[in-house]
């Protein structure tokens, strides 16, 4: 089953990924959703996979794109940071404009996951500076029989 690790807002702290490694397992790729997008390479070295990254508001000198649509096993996934898209409805609209089956975004440092109008909307939270009591977070995205299955992972399991 194809699997992707999804992170955002790492802000230079890649060590937290080590706490997730036993629960992540094998992944085929890493998607980094911005704010210290240069962390994607060392993260993918730890995960032994390739990566796709988009830049966030804390990546002013990066040449990574602001958004990127990935074709993954006949599914379209829109990646963006979220700082230029104001709110849930705008994210949903952006996904529909790209004909995407999912939109992955960060920026708020608050993990969330919901499906709206058949589109998965996933924010993995922050790998380094969480704004929830559950601590640093990330997500794993799988494709099972053509359907997305996503799981939010938290450093503190409380």
N, C-alpha and C. Protein backbone atom coordinates (compact mmCIF):
# COMPACT_ATOMS: atom_id res chain seq x y z
N UNK A 1 0.84 -1.17 0.00
CA UNK A 1 0.00 0.00 0.00
C UNK A 1 0.90 1.25 0.00
N UNK A 2 0.75 2.15 -0.97
CA UNK A 2 1.57 3.37 -1.03
C UNK A 2 1.35 4.25 0.21
N UNK A 3 2.46 4.77 0.75
CA UNK A 3 2.40 5.60 1.97
C UNK A 3 3.27 6.85 1.80
N UNK A 4 2.78 7.96 2.35
CA UNK A 4 3.50 9.23 2.31
C UNK A 4 3.53 9.82 3.71
N UNK A 5 4.71 10.28 4.13
CA UNK A 5 4.84 11.05 5.37
C UNK A 5 4.57 12.51 5.02
N UNK A 6 3.75 13.17 5.84
CA UNK A 6 3.38 14.57 5.58
C UNK A 6 3.78 15.40 6.79
N UNK A 7 4.63 16.42 6.56
CA UNK A 7 5.08 17.30 7.64
C UNK A 7 4.94 18.75 7.21
N UNK A 8 4.90 19.61 8.22
CA UNK A 8 4.87 21.04 7.96
C UNK A 8 5.50 21.76 9.15
N UNK A 9 5.90 22.98 8.90
CA UNK A 9 6.36 23.85 9.98
C UNK A 9 7.40 23.20 10.87
N UNK A 10 8.44 22.67 10.24
CA UNK A 10 9.52 22.03 10.99
C UNK A 10 10.45 23.07 11.63
N UNK A 11 10.56 24.23 11.05
CA UNK A 11 11.33 25.36 11.61
C UNK A 11 12.72 24.96 12.09
N UNK A 12 13.38 24.10 11.31
CA UNK A 12 14.75 23.75 11.62
C UNK A 12 14.93 22.61 12.62
N UNK A 13 13.85 22.09 13.15
CA UNK A 13 13.94 21.01 14.13
C UNK A 13 13.55 19.69 13.47
N UNK A 14 14.54 18.99 12.97
CA UNK A 14 14.25 17.69 12.35
C UNK A 14 14.40 16.54 13.32
N UNK A 15 14.96 16.80 14.50
CA UNK A 15 15.16 15.73 15.47
C UNK A 15 13.85 15.12 15.94
N UNK A 16 12.77 15.89 15.98
CA UNK A 16 11.49 15.35 16.44
C UNK A 16 10.99 14.19 15.59
N UNK A 17 11.44 14.14 14.34
CA UNK A 17 10.97 13.05 13.47
C UNK A 17 11.42 11.70 14.03
N UNK A 18 12.53 11.68 14.74
CA UNK A 18 13.03 10.42 15.30
C UNK A 18 12.02 9.78 16.25
N UNK A 19 11.28 10.59 16.98
CA UNK A 19 10.26 10.07 17.88
C UNK A 19 9.10 9.41 17.15
N UNK A 20 8.93 9.75 15.89
CA UNK A 20 7.84 9.18 15.10
C UNK A 20 8.26 7.95 14.29
N UNK A 21 9.55 7.76 14.10
CA UNK A 21 10.03 6.72 13.19
C UNK A 21 9.42 5.33 13.44
N UNK A 22 9.33 4.86 14.68
CA UNK A 22 8.74 3.53 14.88
C UNK A 22 7.27 3.44 14.41
N UNK A 23 6.55 4.55 14.48
CA UNK A 23 5.14 4.53 14.07
C UNK A 23 4.93 4.83 12.60
N UNK A 24 5.91 5.44 11.96
CA UNK A 24 5.77 5.78 10.55
C UNK A 24 5.93 4.54 9.68
N UNK A 25 6.94 3.76 9.98
CA UNK A 25 7.24 2.62 9.12
C UNK A 25 7.77 3.08 7.78
N UNK A 26 7.68 2.21 6.79
CA UNK A 26 8.16 2.54 5.45
C UNK A 26 7.24 3.56 4.79
N UNK A 27 7.83 4.56 4.16
CA UNK A 27 7.07 5.50 3.34
C UNK A 27 7.74 5.61 1.98
N UNK A 28 6.93 5.90 0.98
CA UNK A 28 7.44 6.04 -0.38
C UNK A 28 7.92 7.45 -0.69
N UNK A 29 7.42 8.43 0.09
CA UNK A 29 7.78 9.83 -0.14
C UNK A 29 7.49 10.65 1.10
N UNK A 30 8.09 11.83 1.12
CA UNK A 30 7.83 12.83 2.15
C UNK A 30 7.29 14.06 1.46
N UNK A 31 6.19 14.61 1.96
CA UNK A 31 5.68 15.90 1.49
C UNK A 31 5.92 16.90 2.61
N UNK A 32 6.71 17.94 2.33
CA UNK A 32 6.96 19.01 3.31
C UNK A 32 6.16 20.22 2.86
N UNK A 33 5.32 20.73 3.74
CA UNK A 33 4.37 21.79 3.38
C UNK A 33 4.84 23.18 3.80
N UNK A 34 6.13 23.35 3.95
CA UNK A 34 6.67 24.69 4.14
C UNK A 34 7.01 25.08 5.56
N UNK A 35 7.70 26.19 5.66
CA UNK A 35 8.32 26.77 6.84
C UNK A 35 9.51 25.91 7.26
N UNK A 36 10.61 26.30 6.67
CA UNK A 36 11.92 25.64 6.71
C UNK A 36 11.91 24.45 5.78
N UNK A 37 11.54 24.75 4.55
CA UNK A 37 11.46 23.74 3.49
C UNK A 37 12.81 23.05 3.27
N UNK A 38 13.91 23.70 3.66
CA UNK A 38 15.22 23.06 3.50
C UNK A 38 15.38 21.85 4.42
N UNK A 39 14.48 21.69 5.39
CA UNK A 39 14.49 20.51 6.26
C UNK A 39 14.05 19.25 5.52
N UNK A 40 13.44 19.39 4.37
CA UNK A 40 12.91 18.23 3.65
C UNK A 40 14.01 17.24 3.29
N UNK A 41 15.15 17.72 2.84
CA UNK A 41 16.22 16.80 2.43
C UNK A 41 16.75 15.96 3.59
N UNK A 42 17.14 16.56 4.72
CA UNK A 42 17.59 15.70 5.82
C UNK A 42 16.48 14.79 6.37
N UNK A 43 15.24 15.26 6.33
CA UNK A 43 14.13 14.40 6.76
C UNK A 43 13.98 13.19 5.85
N UNK A 44 14.05 13.43 4.54
CA UNK A 44 13.90 12.30 3.63
C UNK A 44 15.10 11.37 3.71
N UNK A 45 16.27 11.89 4.08
CA UNK A 45 17.42 11.01 4.31
C UNK A 45 17.17 10.08 5.50
N UNK A 46 16.54 10.61 6.55
CA UNK A 46 16.19 9.78 7.71
C UNK A 46 15.13 8.74 7.35
N UNK A 47 14.20 9.12 6.48
CA UNK A 47 13.11 8.22 6.10
C UNK A 47 13.45 7.34 4.91
N UNK A 48 14.59 7.62 4.27
CA UNK A 48 15.04 6.85 3.10
C UNK A 48 13.99 6.88 1.97
N UNK A 49 13.64 8.10 1.59
CA UNK A 49 12.65 8.27 0.52
C UNK A 49 12.90 9.59 -0.21
N UNK A 50 12.18 9.81 -1.28
CA UNK A 50 12.23 11.08 -1.99
C UNK A 50 11.28 12.08 -1.35
N UNK A 51 11.27 13.32 -1.86
CA UNK A 51 10.38 14.31 -1.28
C UNK A 51 9.86 15.28 -2.32
N UNK A 52 8.77 15.92 -1.94
CA UNK A 52 8.21 17.06 -2.66
C UNK A 52 8.00 18.13 -1.60
N UNK A 53 8.32 19.38 -1.90
CA UNK A 53 8.20 20.43 -0.90
C UNK A 53 7.66 21.71 -1.54
N UNK A 54 6.89 22.44 -0.75
CA UNK A 54 6.41 23.77 -1.13
C UNK A 54 6.87 24.75 -0.06
N UNK A 55 7.00 26.00 -0.44
CA UNK A 55 7.51 26.97 0.52
C UNK A 55 6.38 27.63 1.31
N UNK A 56 6.76 28.07 2.50
CA UNK A 56 5.83 28.77 3.37
C UNK A 56 6.26 30.20 3.59
N UNK A 57 5.61 30.88 4.51
CA UNK A 57 5.90 32.28 4.78
C UNK A 57 7.28 32.48 5.42
N UNK A 58 7.87 31.44 5.99
CA UNK A 58 9.21 31.53 6.58
C UNK A 58 10.29 31.01 5.63
N UNK A 59 9.97 30.93 4.36
CA UNK A 59 10.91 30.45 3.34
C UNK A 59 11.11 31.50 2.25
N UNK A 60 11.42 32.75 2.61
CA UNK A 60 11.45 33.80 1.58
C UNK A 60 12.52 33.63 0.52
N UNK A 61 13.58 32.89 0.81
CA UNK A 61 14.66 32.75 -0.16
C UNK A 61 14.67 31.41 -0.86
N UNK A 62 13.65 30.61 -0.61
CA UNK A 62 13.56 29.30 -1.24
C UNK A 62 13.04 29.43 -2.67
N UNK A 63 13.50 28.55 -3.52
CA UNK A 63 12.96 28.53 -4.88
C UNK A 63 11.90 27.43 -5.03
N UNK A 64 11.50 26.82 -3.92
CA UNK A 64 10.41 25.83 -3.97
C UNK A 64 9.13 26.55 -4.38
N UNK A 65 8.23 25.87 -5.05
CA UNK A 65 6.98 26.52 -5.48
C UNK A 65 6.07 26.84 -4.29
N UNK A 66 5.18 27.81 -4.47
CA UNK A 66 4.19 28.13 -3.43
C UNK A 66 3.12 27.04 -3.33
N UNK A 67 2.83 26.40 -4.43
CA UNK A 67 1.88 25.28 -4.42
C UNK A 67 2.32 24.29 -5.49
N UNK A 68 1.87 23.07 -5.34
CA UNK A 68 2.26 22.04 -6.28
C UNK A 68 1.19 20.97 -6.27
N UNK A 69 0.79 20.52 -7.44
CA UNK A 69 -0.19 19.44 -7.53
C UNK A 69 0.53 18.16 -7.96
N UNK A 70 0.40 17.16 -7.13
CA UNK A 70 1.06 15.88 -7.33
C UNK A 70 0.06 14.88 -7.89
N UNK A 71 0.47 14.13 -8.88
CA UNK A 71 -0.31 12.99 -9.37
C UNK A 71 0.24 11.76 -8.66
N UNK A 72 -0.59 11.09 -7.89
CA UNK A 72 -0.15 9.95 -7.09
C UNK A 72 -1.12 8.80 -7.25
N UNK A 73 -0.73 7.79 -7.98
CA UNK A 73 -1.58 6.62 -8.22
C UNK A 73 -2.99 7.02 -8.67
N UNK A 74 -3.05 7.84 -9.70
CA UNK A 74 -4.30 8.31 -10.30
C UNK A 74 -5.13 9.19 -9.38
N UNK A 75 -4.51 9.78 -8.37
CA UNK A 75 -5.16 10.74 -7.49
C UNK A 75 -4.37 12.03 -7.56
N UNK A 76 -5.07 13.16 -7.46
CA UNK A 76 -4.42 14.46 -7.49
C UNK A 76 -4.43 15.06 -6.08
N UNK A 77 -3.23 15.52 -5.67
CA UNK A 77 -3.08 16.09 -4.33
C UNK A 77 -2.47 17.47 -4.46
N UNK A 78 -3.17 18.47 -3.96
CA UNK A 78 -2.67 19.84 -3.94
C UNK A 78 -1.89 20.07 -2.65
N UNK A 79 -0.63 20.50 -2.80
CA UNK A 79 0.22 20.82 -1.66
C UNK A 79 0.40 22.33 -1.61
N UNK A 80 0.21 22.91 -0.45
CA UNK A 80 0.49 24.33 -0.24
C UNK A 80 0.69 24.57 1.23
N UNK A 81 1.26 25.72 1.56
CA UNK A 81 1.50 26.01 2.97
C UNK A 81 0.23 26.51 3.64
N UNK A 82 -0.45 27.41 3.00
CA UNK A 82 -1.71 27.91 3.54
C UNK A 82 -1.69 29.37 3.95
N UNK A 83 -0.54 29.99 3.93
CA UNK A 83 -0.47 31.39 4.35
C UNK A 83 -1.08 32.35 3.34
N UNK A 84 -1.29 31.92 2.12
CA UNK A 84 -1.89 32.78 1.10
C UNK A 84 -3.33 32.39 0.78
N UNK A 85 -3.85 31.45 1.55
CA UNK A 85 -5.22 30.98 1.33
C UNK A 85 -5.96 31.15 2.65
N UNK A 86 -6.93 32.04 2.66
CA UNK A 86 -7.60 32.42 3.91
C UNK A 86 -8.79 31.51 4.23
N UNK A 87 -8.53 30.49 5.02
CA UNK A 87 -9.61 29.70 5.57
C UNK A 87 -9.98 28.44 4.81
N UNK A 88 -10.83 27.69 5.45
CA UNK A 88 -11.26 26.37 4.99
C UNK A 88 -11.93 26.40 3.62
N UNK A 89 -12.82 27.34 3.41
CA UNK A 89 -13.53 27.41 2.12
C UNK A 89 -12.58 27.76 0.98
N UNK A 90 -11.62 28.63 1.25
CA UNK A 90 -10.65 28.99 0.21
C UNK A 90 -9.75 27.79 -0.13
N UNK A 91 -9.39 26.99 0.88
CA UNK A 91 -8.61 25.78 0.63
C UNK A 91 -9.41 24.80 -0.22
N UNK A 92 -10.67 24.65 0.12
CA UNK A 92 -11.54 23.75 -0.64
C UNK A 92 -11.68 24.24 -2.08
N UNK A 93 -11.86 25.53 -2.26
CA UNK A 93 -11.96 26.12 -3.60
C UNK A 93 -10.67 25.88 -4.40
N UNK A 94 -9.52 26.08 -3.74
CA UNK A 94 -8.23 25.87 -4.41
C UNK A 94 -8.10 24.42 -4.86
N UNK A 95 -8.53 23.49 -4.02
CA UNK A 95 -8.47 22.06 -4.38
C UNK A 95 -9.38 21.78 -5.57
N UNK A 96 -10.57 22.35 -5.56
CA UNK A 96 -11.50 22.13 -6.68
C UNK A 96 -10.96 22.74 -7.97
N UNK A 97 -10.31 23.89 -7.87
CA UNK A 97 -9.72 24.52 -9.06
C UNK A 97 -8.64 23.64 -9.69
N UNK A 98 -7.95 22.88 -8.86
CA UNK A 98 -6.88 21.99 -9.34
C UNK A 98 -7.41 20.59 -9.66
N UNK A 99 -8.72 20.41 -9.50
CA UNK A 99 -9.31 19.09 -9.71
C UNK A 99 -8.66 18.06 -8.79
N UNK A 100 -8.34 18.48 -7.57
CA UNK A 100 -7.61 17.64 -6.61
C UNK A 100 -8.57 16.80 -5.79
N UNK A 101 -8.08 15.63 -5.42
CA UNK A 101 -8.82 14.73 -4.53
C UNK A 101 -8.48 15.02 -3.07
N UNK A 102 -7.38 15.75 -2.85
CA UNK A 102 -6.95 16.10 -1.50
C UNK A 102 -6.19 17.41 -1.55
N UNK A 103 -6.24 18.15 -0.43
CA UNK A 103 -5.42 19.33 -0.26
C UNK A 103 -4.69 19.17 1.07
N UNK A 104 -3.35 19.28 1.01
CA UNK A 104 -2.51 19.17 2.19
C UNK A 104 -1.92 20.55 2.45
N UNK A 105 -2.02 21.03 3.68
CA UNK A 105 -1.62 22.38 4.01
C UNK A 105 -1.11 22.45 5.45
N UNK A 106 -0.40 23.52 5.77
CA UNK A 106 0.14 23.72 7.10
C UNK A 106 -0.20 25.10 7.61
N UNK A 107 0.80 25.81 8.10
CA UNK A 107 0.78 27.20 8.53
C UNK A 107 0.20 27.43 9.92
N UNK A 108 -0.91 26.83 10.26
CA UNK A 108 -1.56 27.12 11.55
C UNK A 108 -0.89 26.42 12.72
N UNK A 109 -0.09 25.40 12.47
CA UNK A 109 0.54 24.58 13.51
C UNK A 109 -0.50 23.78 14.30
N UNK A 110 -1.71 23.70 13.79
CA UNK A 110 -2.79 22.95 14.43
C UNK A 110 -3.22 21.83 13.48
N UNK A 111 -3.04 20.58 13.89
CA UNK A 111 -3.42 19.47 13.01
C UNK A 111 -4.94 19.37 12.85
N UNK A 112 -5.34 19.00 11.64
CA UNK A 112 -6.76 18.80 11.38
C UNK A 112 -6.91 17.87 10.18
N UNK A 113 -8.06 17.22 10.15
CA UNK A 113 -8.34 16.31 9.05
C UNK A 113 -9.85 16.20 8.90
N UNK A 114 -10.32 16.43 7.68
CA UNK A 114 -11.74 16.25 7.38
C UNK A 114 -11.90 16.03 5.89
N UNK A 115 -13.02 15.47 5.51
CA UNK A 115 -13.35 15.30 4.11
C UNK A 115 -14.58 16.16 3.83
N UNK A 116 -14.45 17.05 2.84
CA UNK A 116 -15.53 17.96 2.47
C UNK A 116 -15.76 17.82 0.98
N UNK A 117 -16.98 17.58 0.59
CA UNK A 117 -17.33 17.41 -0.83
C UNK A 117 -16.42 16.38 -1.51
N UNK A 118 -16.06 15.34 -0.77
CA UNK A 118 -15.23 14.28 -1.32
C UNK A 118 -13.74 14.60 -1.39
N UNK A 119 -13.34 15.75 -0.86
CA UNK A 119 -11.93 16.17 -0.88
C UNK A 119 -11.35 16.07 0.52
N UNK A 120 -10.25 15.33 0.66
CA UNK A 120 -9.55 15.24 1.93
C UNK A 120 -8.81 16.54 2.18
N UNK A 121 -9.03 17.13 3.35
CA UNK A 121 -8.35 18.36 3.76
C UNK A 121 -7.51 18.00 4.98
N UNK A 122 -6.19 18.02 4.83
CA UNK A 122 -5.30 17.51 5.87
C UNK A 122 -4.22 18.52 6.22
N UNK A 123 -4.15 18.87 7.49
CA UNK A 123 -3.08 19.70 8.03
C UNK A 123 -2.35 18.84 9.05
N UNK A 124 -1.06 18.54 8.82
CA UNK A 124 -0.33 17.67 9.75
C UNK A 124 0.08 18.37 11.05
N UNK A 125 -0.19 19.65 11.19
CA UNK A 125 0.26 20.40 12.37
C UNK A 125 1.72 20.79 12.20
N UNK A 126 2.42 20.91 13.32
CA UNK A 126 3.82 21.34 13.30
C UNK A 126 4.72 20.27 13.88
N UNK A 127 5.80 20.00 13.18
CA UNK A 127 6.79 19.03 13.65
C UNK A 127 7.59 19.59 14.82
N UNK A 128 7.65 20.93 14.97
CA UNK A 128 8.53 21.49 15.99
C UNK A 128 7.89 22.50 16.95
N UNK A 129 6.87 23.21 16.50
CA UNK A 129 6.27 24.27 17.33
C UNK A 129 4.75 24.10 17.37
N UNK A 130 4.28 23.06 18.05
CA UNK A 130 2.84 22.78 18.04
C UNK A 130 2.03 23.82 18.80
N UNK A 131 0.80 23.95 18.39
CA UNK A 131 -0.14 24.84 19.09
C UNK A 131 -1.29 24.00 19.66
N UNK A 132 -0.95 22.79 20.10
CA UNK A 132 -1.90 21.91 20.77
C UNK A 132 -1.19 21.23 21.93
N UNK A 133 -1.94 20.74 22.89
CA UNK A 133 -1.37 20.06 24.05
C UNK A 133 -0.78 18.70 23.70
N UNK A 134 -1.14 18.17 22.53
CA UNK A 134 -0.65 16.85 22.14
C UNK A 134 0.78 16.87 21.63
N UNK A 135 1.37 18.04 21.51
CA UNK A 135 2.76 18.14 21.11
C UNK A 135 2.96 18.12 19.61
N UNK A 136 4.22 17.97 19.21
CA UNK A 136 4.54 17.94 17.77
C UNK A 136 3.72 16.86 17.05
N UNK A 137 3.44 17.16 15.79
CA UNK A 137 2.59 16.22 15.03
C UNK A 137 3.03 16.15 13.58
N UNK A 138 2.55 15.13 12.92
CA UNK A 138 2.75 14.90 11.50
C UNK A 138 1.62 13.98 11.04
N UNK A 139 1.63 13.58 9.79
CA UNK A 139 0.60 12.68 9.28
C UNK A 139 1.21 11.64 8.36
N UNK A 140 0.51 10.54 8.23
CA UNK A 140 0.85 9.52 7.24
C UNK A 140 -0.38 9.36 6.36
N UNK A 141 -0.16 9.42 5.06
CA UNK A 141 -1.23 9.30 4.07
C UNK A 141 -1.02 8.01 3.29
N UNK A 142 -2.06 7.21 3.21
CA UNK A 142 -2.00 5.95 2.46
C UNK A 142 -3.08 5.95 1.40
N UNK A 143 -2.86 5.13 0.39
CA UNK A 143 -3.85 4.93 -0.64
C UNK A 143 -4.25 3.46 -0.60
N UNK A 144 -5.51 3.22 -0.29
CA UNK A 144 -6.02 1.86 -0.13
C UNK A 144 -7.19 1.66 -1.09
N UNK A 145 -6.99 0.85 -2.12
CA UNK A 145 -8.03 0.60 -3.13
C UNK A 145 -8.56 1.90 -3.74
N UNK A 146 -7.65 2.85 -3.98
CA UNK A 146 -8.04 4.11 -4.61
C UNK A 146 -8.59 5.14 -3.66
N UNK A 147 -8.72 4.81 -2.37
CA UNK A 147 -9.24 5.75 -1.37
C UNK A 147 -8.12 6.17 -0.43
N UNK A 148 -8.17 7.43 -0.01
CA UNK A 148 -7.20 7.92 0.95
C UNK A 148 -7.52 7.42 2.35
N UNK A 149 -6.47 7.11 3.06
CA UNK A 149 -6.58 6.84 4.49
C UNK A 149 -5.46 7.63 5.14
N UNK A 150 -5.81 8.52 6.04
CA UNK A 150 -4.82 9.38 6.67
C UNK A 150 -4.87 9.19 8.18
N UNK A 151 -3.70 9.36 8.79
CA UNK A 151 -3.61 9.28 10.24
C UNK A 151 -2.74 10.41 10.74
N UNK A 152 -3.25 11.13 11.72
CA UNK A 152 -2.45 12.15 12.40
C UNK A 152 -1.68 11.46 13.52
N UNK A 153 -0.39 11.75 13.59
CA UNK A 153 0.46 11.18 14.64
C UNK A 153 0.92 12.31 15.56
N UNK A 154 0.90 12.05 16.86
CA UNK A 154 1.29 13.05 17.85
C UNK A 154 2.45 12.53 18.68
N UNK A 155 3.37 13.43 19.03
CA UNK A 155 4.51 13.06 19.85
C UNK A 155 4.03 12.61 21.23
N UNK A 156 3.13 13.38 21.82
CA UNK A 156 2.55 13.02 23.11
C UNK A 156 1.21 12.36 22.84
N UNK A 157 1.05 11.13 23.22
CA UNK A 157 -0.16 10.38 22.87
C UNK A 157 -1.35 10.71 23.77
N UNK A 158 -1.25 11.73 24.61
CA UNK A 158 -2.36 12.06 25.52
C UNK A 158 -3.51 12.76 24.82
